[in-house]
Each structure stands twice: as structure tokens, then as C-alpha cells.
N, C-alpha and C. Protein backbone atom coordinates (compact mmCIF):
# COMPACT_ATOMS: atom_id res chain seq x y z
N UNK A 1 10.18 12.73 13.74
CA UNK A 1 9.42 12.18 11.95
C UNK A 1 10.57 11.97 11.20
N UNK A 2 10.37 10.77 11.07
CA UNK A 2 10.98 10.28 9.16
C UNK A 2 9.92 9.75 8.01
N UNK A 3 10.27 10.40 7.30
CA UNK A 3 8.96 10.37 5.72
C UNK A 3 9.37 10.01 4.97
N UNK A 4 8.66 8.66 4.17
CA UNK A 4 9.96 8.42 3.04
C UNK A 4 8.49 8.56 1.50
N UNK A 5 8.66 8.48 0.95
CA UNK A 5 8.09 8.35 -0.19
C UNK A 5 8.31 6.97 -1.84
N UNK A 6 7.88 6.53 -2.05
CA UNK A 6 8.46 6.38 -3.89
C UNK A 6 7.06 6.68 -4.70
N UNK A 7 7.50 6.67 -5.26
CA UNK A 7 6.51 7.23 -6.77
C UNK A 7 6.54 5.58 -8.11
N UNK A 8 6.05 5.60 -8.82
CA UNK A 8 5.94 4.20 -9.86
C UNK A 8 4.88 4.28 -10.56
N UNK A 9 5.44 4.64 -12.08
CA UNK A 9 4.51 4.68 -13.41
C UNK A 9 3.39 3.59 -13.50
N UNK A 10 2.28 2.93 -14.22
CA UNK A 10 1.85 2.06 -14.79
C UNK A 10 0.81 2.30 -16.56
N UNK A 11 1.37 1.48 -16.61
CA UNK A 11 0.66 1.48 -17.70
C UNK A 11 -1.21 0.71 -18.11
N UNK A 12 -1.56 0.82 -17.17
CA UNK A 12 -2.91 1.43 -16.54
C UNK A 12 -4.23 1.99 -16.35
N UNK A 13 -5.04 2.46 -16.12
CA UNK A 13 -5.65 3.15 -16.30
C UNK A 13 -6.22 3.49 -14.53
N UNK A 14 -6.20 5.02 -14.49
CA UNK A 14 -5.74 5.46 -13.13
C UNK A 14 -7.13 4.26 -12.04
N UNK A 15 -7.89 3.65 -12.52
CA UNK A 15 -9.43 2.78 -11.91
C UNK A 15 -8.80 1.39 -12.17
N UNK A 16 -8.53 0.94 -12.43
CA UNK A 16 -7.91 -0.33 -12.36
C UNK A 16 -6.63 -0.70 -11.62
N UNK A 17 -5.56 0.72 -11.27
CA UNK A 17 -4.79 0.43 -10.39
C UNK A 17 -5.05 0.65 -9.10
N UNK A 18 -6.57 1.86 -9.05
CA UNK A 18 -6.99 1.56 -7.74
C UNK A 18 -7.75 0.69 -6.63
N UNK A 19 -8.38 0.18 -8.17
CA UNK A 19 -9.35 -1.25 -7.51
C UNK A 19 -8.56 -2.13 -6.82
N UNK A 20 -7.12 -2.83 -7.52
CA UNK A 20 -6.63 -3.61 -7.31
C UNK A 20 -5.71 -3.29 -5.88
N UNK A 21 -5.53 -1.85 -5.95
CA UNK A 21 -4.14 -1.53 -4.16
C UNK A 21 -5.70 -1.36 -3.42
N UNK A 22 -6.49 -1.08 -3.58
CA UNK A 22 -7.64 -1.12 -2.55
C UNK A 22 -7.91 -2.73 -1.57
N UNK A 23 -8.00 -4.07 -2.72
CA UNK A 23 -9.00 -4.83 -2.53
C UNK A 23 -8.40 -5.58 -1.67
N UNK A 24 -9.35 -5.51 -0.54
CA UNK A 24 -8.25 -5.89 1.19
C UNK A 24 -7.48 -7.24 1.36
N UNK A 25 -9.08 -8.18 -0.03
CA UNK A 25 -7.98 -9.48 0.39
C UNK A 25 -7.09 -9.81 -0.86
N UNK A 26 -6.89 -8.79 -1.74
CA UNK A 26 -5.48 -8.67 -2.05
C UNK A 26 -4.12 -8.27 -1.83
N UNK A 27 -4.29 -7.77 -0.44
CA UNK A 27 -3.27 -6.18 -0.52
C UNK A 27 -1.87 -7.72 -0.02
N UNK A 28 -1.87 -8.31 0.49
CA UNK A 28 -0.77 -9.44 0.57
C UNK A 28 -0.37 -9.09 -0.71
N UNK A 29 -0.74 -9.40 -1.92
CA UNK A 29 -0.44 -10.01 -3.30
C UNK A 29 0.78 -8.64 -3.67
N UNK A 30 0.53 -7.91 -3.13
CA UNK A 30 1.77 -6.76 -3.62
C UNK A 30 2.37 -5.63 -2.35
N UNK A 31 2.12 -5.25 -0.48
CA UNK A 31 2.37 -4.53 0.39
C UNK A 31 3.62 -5.86 -0.03
N UNK A 32 4.41 -5.20 1.21
CA UNK A 32 5.78 -5.70 2.13
C UNK A 32 5.50 -6.97 2.64
N UNK A 33 6.51 -7.92 1.87
CA UNK A 33 6.07 -9.71 1.95
C UNK A 33 6.05 -10.06 3.31
N UNK A 34 6.58 -9.06 4.48
CA UNK A 34 6.63 -9.40 6.23
C UNK A 34 5.99 -9.01 6.94
N UNK A 35 4.22 -8.40 5.77
CA UNK A 35 3.29 -7.37 6.61
C UNK A 35 1.92 -8.07 5.94
N UNK A 36 1.01 -8.68 6.85
CA UNK A 36 0.32 -9.41 6.19
C UNK A 36 -1.57 -9.30 7.43
N UNK A 37 -2.18 -8.32 6.02
CA UNK A 37 -3.78 -8.21 6.44
C UNK A 37 -4.94 -8.87 6.79
N UNK A 38 -5.22 -8.55 8.22
CA UNK A 38 -6.54 -8.84 8.71
C UNK A 38 -8.05 -8.01 8.94
N UNK A 39 -8.33 -8.38 7.27
CA UNK A 39 -9.85 -7.54 7.41
C UNK A 39 -10.54 -7.55 9.02
N UNK A 40 -10.33 -6.39 9.28
CA UNK A 40 -11.94 -6.84 10.49
C UNK A 40 -12.77 -5.68 10.59
N UNK A 41 -13.71 -5.73 11.36
CA UNK A 41 -15.38 -4.36 11.22
C UNK A 41 -14.09 -3.49 10.69
N UNK A 42 -13.83 -2.43 8.95
CA UNK A 42 -13.85 -1.65 8.59
C UNK A 42 -14.04 -0.22 9.30
N UNK A 43 -12.19 0.59 9.67
CA UNK A 43 -12.14 0.95 9.08
C UNK A 43 -10.35 -0.01 9.52
N UNK A 44 -11.83 -0.76 10.66
CA UNK A 44 -10.41 -1.65 11.43
C UNK A 44 -9.83 -2.53 10.89
N UNK A 45 -7.82 -2.44 11.44
CA UNK A 45 -7.23 -4.56 9.98
C UNK A 45 -6.03 -4.77 10.95
N UNK A 46 -6.32 -5.83 11.31
CA UNK A 46 -5.30 -6.27 12.97
C UNK A 46 -4.03 -6.11 10.95
N UNK A 47 -2.58 -5.96 11.51
CA UNK A 47 -1.61 -6.00 10.90
C UNK A 47 -0.47 -6.99 10.89
N UNK A 48 0.12 -8.68 10.95
CA UNK A 48 0.68 -8.83 11.78
C UNK A 48 1.98 -8.87 10.66
N UNK A 49 3.16 -8.70 11.38
CA UNK A 49 4.54 -8.89 11.44
C UNK A 49 5.60 -9.78 11.04
N UNK A 50 5.60 -10.28 9.85
CA UNK A 50 6.08 -11.69 10.40
C UNK A 50 7.33 -11.18 11.18
N UNK A 51 8.39 -9.44 10.50
CA UNK A 51 9.74 -9.60 10.91
C UNK A 51 9.52 -9.50 12.61
N UNK A 52 8.23 -9.10 13.87
CA UNK A 52 8.48 -9.17 14.82
C UNK A 52 7.68 -10.48 15.44
N UNK A 53 6.56 -11.23 14.42
CA UNK A 53 5.79 -11.81 14.85
C UNK A 53 4.88 -11.65 15.71
N UNK A 54 4.65 -10.18 15.86
CA UNK A 54 3.31 -9.56 16.44
C UNK A 54 2.06 -8.86 15.61
N UNK A 55 0.73 -9.00 16.23
CA UNK A 55 0.02 -8.48 15.20
C UNK A 55 -0.21 -6.61 16.50
N UNK A 56 -0.58 -6.48 14.87
CA UNK A 56 -0.73 -4.43 15.48
C UNK A 56 -2.44 -4.59 15.07
N UNK A 57 -2.76 -3.40 16.06
CA UNK A 57 -3.87 -3.08 15.35
C UNK A 57 -3.85 -1.62 14.16
N UNK A 58 -4.83 -1.08 13.29
CA UNK A 58 -4.15 -0.98 12.18
C UNK A 58 -5.67 -0.09 12.27
N UNK A 59 -5.48 0.98 10.79
CA UNK A 59 -6.93 1.12 9.96
C UNK A 59 -6.37 1.33 9.40
N UNK A 60 -7.85 0.35 7.93
CA UNK A 60 -7.55 1.08 6.62
C UNK A 60 -8.28 2.20 6.17
N UNK A 61 -7.92 3.52 5.69
CA UNK A 61 -9.23 3.42 4.53
C UNK A 61 -9.53 4.30 3.27
N UNK A 62 -10.23 3.31 2.74
CA UNK A 62 -10.24 3.61 1.50
C UNK A 62 -11.01 4.93 0.76
N UNK A 63 -10.30 5.38 -0.25
CA UNK A 63 -11.64 6.87 -0.89
C UNK A 63 -10.96 6.87 -1.64
N UNK A 64 -12.15 5.86 -2.39
CA UNK A 64 -12.38 5.60 -4.36
C UNK A 64 -12.76 7.22 -5.32
N UNK A 65 -13.43 8.75 -3.82
CA UNK A 65 -13.46 9.42 -5.11
C UNK A 65 -12.26 9.90 -5.01
N UNK A 66 -11.29 9.85 -4.54
CA UNK A 66 -9.53 10.44 -4.74
C UNK A 66 -8.72 9.55 -5.21
N UNK A 67 -9.09 8.22 -5.08
CA UNK A 67 -8.43 6.88 -6.02
C UNK A 67 -6.79 7.31 -4.87
N UNK A 68 -7.73 7.13 -3.58
CA UNK A 68 -6.95 7.09 -2.17
C UNK A 68 -6.49 6.35 -1.14
N UNK A 69 -5.36 5.43 -0.54
CA UNK A 69 -5.92 5.09 0.61
C UNK A 69 -4.83 5.67 1.32
N UNK A 70 -5.49 5.29 2.62
CA UNK A 70 -5.18 5.81 3.68
C UNK A 70 -4.70 4.57 5.65
N UNK A 71 -3.51 4.64 5.93
CA UNK A 71 -3.85 3.38 6.96
C UNK A 71 -2.76 3.94 8.08
N UNK A 72 -2.91 3.62 9.01
CA UNK A 72 -1.56 3.39 10.20
C UNK A 72 -2.11 2.69 11.48
N UNK A 73 -1.47 2.90 12.44
CA UNK A 73 -0.93 1.88 13.52
C UNK A 73 -2.35 2.66 14.31
N UNK A 74 -3.15 1.84 15.78
CA UNK A 74 -4.77 2.65 15.77
C UNK A 74 -3.67 2.57 17.62
N UNK A 75 -3.25 2.77 18.20
CA UNK A 75 -2.87 2.47 19.71
C UNK A 75 -1.31 2.93 19.92
N UNK A 76 -0.84 2.39 19.65
CA UNK A 76 1.20 2.45 19.02
C UNK A 76 1.62 4.46 18.75
N UNK A 77 0.53 4.68 17.65
CA UNK A 77 0.98 6.01 16.11
C UNK A 77 1.73 5.34 15.66
N UNK A 78 2.31 4.72 15.96
CA UNK A 78 3.89 4.31 15.50
C UNK A 78 4.20 5.50 14.03
N UNK A 79 3.29 4.52 13.20
CA UNK A 79 3.56 4.87 12.02
C UNK A 79 2.05 5.18 11.17
N UNK A 80 2.14 6.52 9.27
CA UNK A 80 0.67 5.89 9.33
C UNK A 80 1.24 6.20 7.24
N UNK A 81 0.75 6.18 6.69
CA UNK A 81 1.39 5.93 5.26
C UNK A 81 -0.35 6.55 4.21
N UNK A 82 -0.10 6.62 3.08
CA UNK A 82 -1.01 6.54 2.30
C UNK A 82 -1.07 6.31 0.86
N UNK A 83 -1.68 5.65 0.07
CA UNK A 83 -1.44 5.37 -1.11
C UNK A 83 -1.93 6.58 -2.49
N UNK A 84 -1.64 7.20 -3.21
CA UNK A 84 -2.18 7.77 -4.02
C UNK A 84 -2.22 7.26 -5.89
N UNK A 85 -3.75 7.14 -6.71
CA UNK A 85 -3.50 6.80 -7.84
C UNK A 85 -3.27 8.24 -8.81
N UNK A 86 -2.93 8.59 -9.49
CA UNK A 86 -3.25 9.45 -10.37
C UNK A 86 -3.38 9.70 -11.56
N UNK A 87 -4.12 9.69 -12.53
CA UNK A 87 -4.40 9.37 -13.93
C UNK A 87 -3.57 10.27 -15.04
N UNK A 88 -2.24 9.50 -15.84
CA UNK A 88 -1.79 10.74 -16.17
C UNK A 88 -1.47 10.73 -17.19
N UNK A 89 -2.96 10.38 -18.80
CA UNK A 89 -2.36 10.54 -19.72
C UNK A 89 -2.47 9.49 -20.07
N UNK A 90 -2.94 8.82 -21.74
CA UNK A 90 -3.13 7.92 -22.68
C UNK A 90 -3.03 6.64 -22.41
N UNK A 91 -4.47 6.62 -21.06
CA UNK A 91 -3.91 5.13 -20.04
C UNK A 91 -2.86 4.86 -19.51
N UNK A 92 -1.75 5.18 -18.72
CA UNK A 92 -1.26 5.16 -18.12
C UNK A 92 -1.83 5.99 -16.57
N UNK A 93 -0.83 5.68 -15.69
CA UNK A 93 -0.98 6.14 -13.89
C UNK A 93 0.69 6.43 -13.66
N UNK A 94 0.26 7.27 -12.28
CA UNK A 94 1.47 6.90 -11.43
C UNK A 94 1.04 6.51 -10.09
N UNK A 95 1.20 5.98 -9.55
CA UNK A 95 1.22 5.43 -8.77
C UNK A 95 2.00 5.84 -6.93
N UNK A 96 1.45 6.85 -5.73
CA UNK A 96 2.90 7.28 -5.38
C UNK A 96 1.90 6.64 -3.49
N UNK A 97 3.44 6.34 -3.23
CA UNK A 97 2.94 5.70 -1.50
C UNK A 97 3.92 6.39 -1.25
N UNK A 98 4.24 7.04 0.34
CA UNK A 98 4.42 7.57 1.79
C UNK A 98 3.65 7.37 2.77
N UNK A 99 5.23 7.05 3.27
CA UNK A 99 5.26 6.14 5.11
C UNK A 99 5.81 7.60 5.98
N UNK A 100 5.36 7.48 6.70
CA UNK A 100 4.97 8.25 8.22
C UNK A 100 5.68 8.19 9.32
N UNK A 101 6.49 7.38 10.01
CA UNK A 101 7.36 6.32 11.64
C UNK A 101 6.84 7.81 12.06
N UNK A 102 6.38 8.19 13.25
CA UNK A 102 6.51 8.92 14.03
C UNK A 102 7.38 8.44 15.36
N UNK A 103 7.65 6.77 15.59
CA UNK A 103 8.21 6.74 16.77
C UNK A 103 9.53 5.97 15.46
N UNK A 104 11.01 6.11 15.65
CA UNK A 104 12.03 5.71 15.77
C UNK A 104 12.31 4.18 16.17
N UNK A 105 12.28 3.79 16.81
CA UNK A 105 11.28 2.05 17.47
C UNK A 105 11.07 1.22 15.51
N UNK A 106 9.87 1.97 15.18
CA UNK A 106 9.37 1.07 13.94
C UNK A 106 9.53 1.68 13.13
N UNK A 107 10.84 2.67 12.66
CA UNK A 107 11.81 2.60 11.22
C UNK A 107 12.49 2.07 10.75
N UNK A 108 12.41 0.71 9.88
CA UNK A 108 13.25 0.02 9.70
C UNK A 108 14.48 0.70 9.22
N UNK A 109 14.55 1.73 8.73
CA UNK A 109 15.67 2.67 7.69
C UNK A 109 15.63 2.80 6.61
N UNK A 110 15.72 3.78 6.04
CA UNK A 110 15.46 4.49 4.43
C UNK A 110 15.91 3.42 3.29
N UNK A 111 17.52 2.57 4.03
CA UNK A 111 17.33 1.59 2.71
C UNK A 111 16.50 0.65 2.76
N UNK A 112 15.64 0.53 3.66
CA UNK A 112 15.30 -1.32 4.23
C UNK A 112 13.26 -0.92 2.88
N UNK A 113 12.84 0.46 4.46
CA UNK A 113 12.54 1.46 3.68
C UNK A 113 11.45 1.70 2.41
N UNK A 114 13.28 1.77 1.80
CA UNK A 114 13.17 2.19 -0.70
C UNK A 114 12.81 1.33 -0.77
N UNK A 115 13.01 -0.70 -0.85
CA UNK A 115 13.72 -1.09 -1.13
C UNK A 115 12.19 -2.13 -1.15
N UNK A 116 11.26 -1.97 0.37
CA UNK A 116 10.04 -1.91 0.77
C UNK A 116 9.58 -1.30 -0.44
N UNK A 117 8.76 -0.44 -0.29
CA UNK A 117 8.00 0.49 -1.22
C UNK A 117 8.40 -0.36 -2.84
N UNK A 118 9.66 -0.35 -3.14
CA UNK A 118 9.59 0.24 -4.33
C UNK A 118 8.93 -1.78 -4.98
N UNK A 119 9.41 -2.54 -3.83
CA UNK A 119 9.38 -3.42 -4.03
C UNK A 119 7.38 -3.83 -4.28
N UNK A 120 6.72 -3.54 -3.46
CA UNK A 120 5.36 -3.21 -3.15
C UNK A 120 5.38 -2.35 -4.25
N UNK A 121 5.51 -1.59 -4.55
CA UNK A 121 5.78 -0.72 -6.09
C UNK A 121 5.06 -2.00 -7.63
N UNK A 122 6.02 -2.39 -6.86
CA UNK A 122 6.70 -3.95 -8.52
C UNK A 122 5.53 -4.71 -8.19
N UNK A 123 5.45 -5.41 -7.91
CA UNK A 123 4.30 -6.22 -7.12
C UNK A 123 2.64 -6.20 -7.42
N UNK A 124 3.20 -4.60 -6.89
CA UNK A 124 1.72 -3.76 -7.87
C UNK A 124 0.66 -4.29 -9.03
N UNK A 125 2.22 -3.39 -9.66
CA UNK A 125 2.12 -3.06 -10.89
C UNK A 125 2.22 -4.84 -12.03
N UNK A 126 2.01 -5.29 -10.94
CA UNK A 126 2.64 -6.82 -11.82
C UNK A 126 0.49 -7.50 -11.25
N UNK A 127 0.09 -7.06 -10.36
CA UNK A 127 -1.24 -7.20 -9.60
C UNK A 127 -2.01 -6.59 -11.38
N UNK A 128 -1.78 -6.08 -11.19
CA UNK A 128 -2.55 -4.89 -12.01
C UNK A 128 -2.74 -5.51 -13.54
N UNK A 129 -1.37 -5.99 -13.66
CA UNK A 129 -0.92 -6.18 -14.92
C UNK A 129 -1.96 -7.54 -16.04
N UNK A 130 -1.62 -8.85 -14.53
CA UNK A 130 -2.56 -9.43 -14.58
C UNK A 130 -4.13 -9.73 -14.43
N UNK A 131 -4.27 -8.41 -13.40
CA UNK A 131 -5.84 -8.57 -13.55
C UNK A 131 -6.67 -7.96 -15.14
N UNK A 132 -5.57 -7.09 -15.34
CA UNK A 132 -5.82 -6.09 -16.75
C UNK A 132 -6.23 -7.00 -17.96
N UNK A 133 -5.20 -8.09 -18.01
CA UNK A 133 -4.67 -9.46 -18.99
C UNK A 133 -6.15 -10.14 -19.37
N UNK A 134 -6.81 -10.61 -17.63
CA UNK A 134 -7.72 -11.82 -17.47
C UNK A 134 -8.65 -10.98 -18.17
N UNK A 135 -9.64 -10.09 -17.31
CA UNK A 135 -10.63 -8.99 -17.89
C UNK A 135 -10.21 -8.59 -20.23
N UNK A 136 -9.50 -8.80 -20.63
CA UNK A 136 -9.46 -8.28 -21.48
C UNK A 136 -9.52 -9.59 -22.91
N UNK A 137 -8.24 -10.68 -21.97
CA UNK A 137 -8.56 -11.80 -22.45
C UNK A 137 -9.67 -13.53 -22.22
């Protein structure tokens, strides 16, 4: 099993960050750009991966009371992940994303995963900023 983790501080309340991250209709705005989530009868979702052209059955669970998202593949059991939002005071949050690959064939490698996680966290921060600016403005 291979595990990866990245974190980013965001200048927004944890509730705002979690609400944006957990919005199933907005997942494509911040997730890795080659993954597309199609909501089914939740927690069931289908994930389309551009790299392989395949649709994969997965689960996505939001745990608002913990400000946590959890996901993973269903039949294959190739990977799981979670996103955790924590308030760090002064209206800021820390967002941590963790991925576990149980099957090496699903693991694109450390450099690719870190680039994807960093890009996802950057896009999530931008989406949160836009949402907060729209509410405030």
C-alpha cells in the first residue's frame, strides 16, 4: 500500500471550505482535472477517468459533523481517500487530503499524485475564495 498526503492553509472559515469541498455538483471544479464524478444514489457515485477512459463505481461520503469527506473505489478496492477541514483560528482553515493506493496499478506515482493534490487544493482554495467573495459582495 502506498499513501500520499498534502495540506494547505486557506483564509476562510472551515464551514465555508467544507461546504464547497462537499458540494457534489462542484467537485469537478477542484478535483484532479482528469477525474469527473457523477452522483448516483449516494453514497454511490461513478468516477470517469480521462486517462483511461473508464468509468469506475465508487463511494463518496460527506461527514459534516466532522468536516470530512471520504471516498474510494467499490468493486476494485484500488484506492481510498479523505479530505479533512480543520479550523486554525482567525477565520482560517487547514485542509488535508490523503490518498491510499492498495493496488500499484492504480498508483500514478509520487510526483503525479503530489502535483494532482497540490493542484486540487489550489483550485479548492480559489473556489472557496470565489464563494466567499460572492456572499460578501
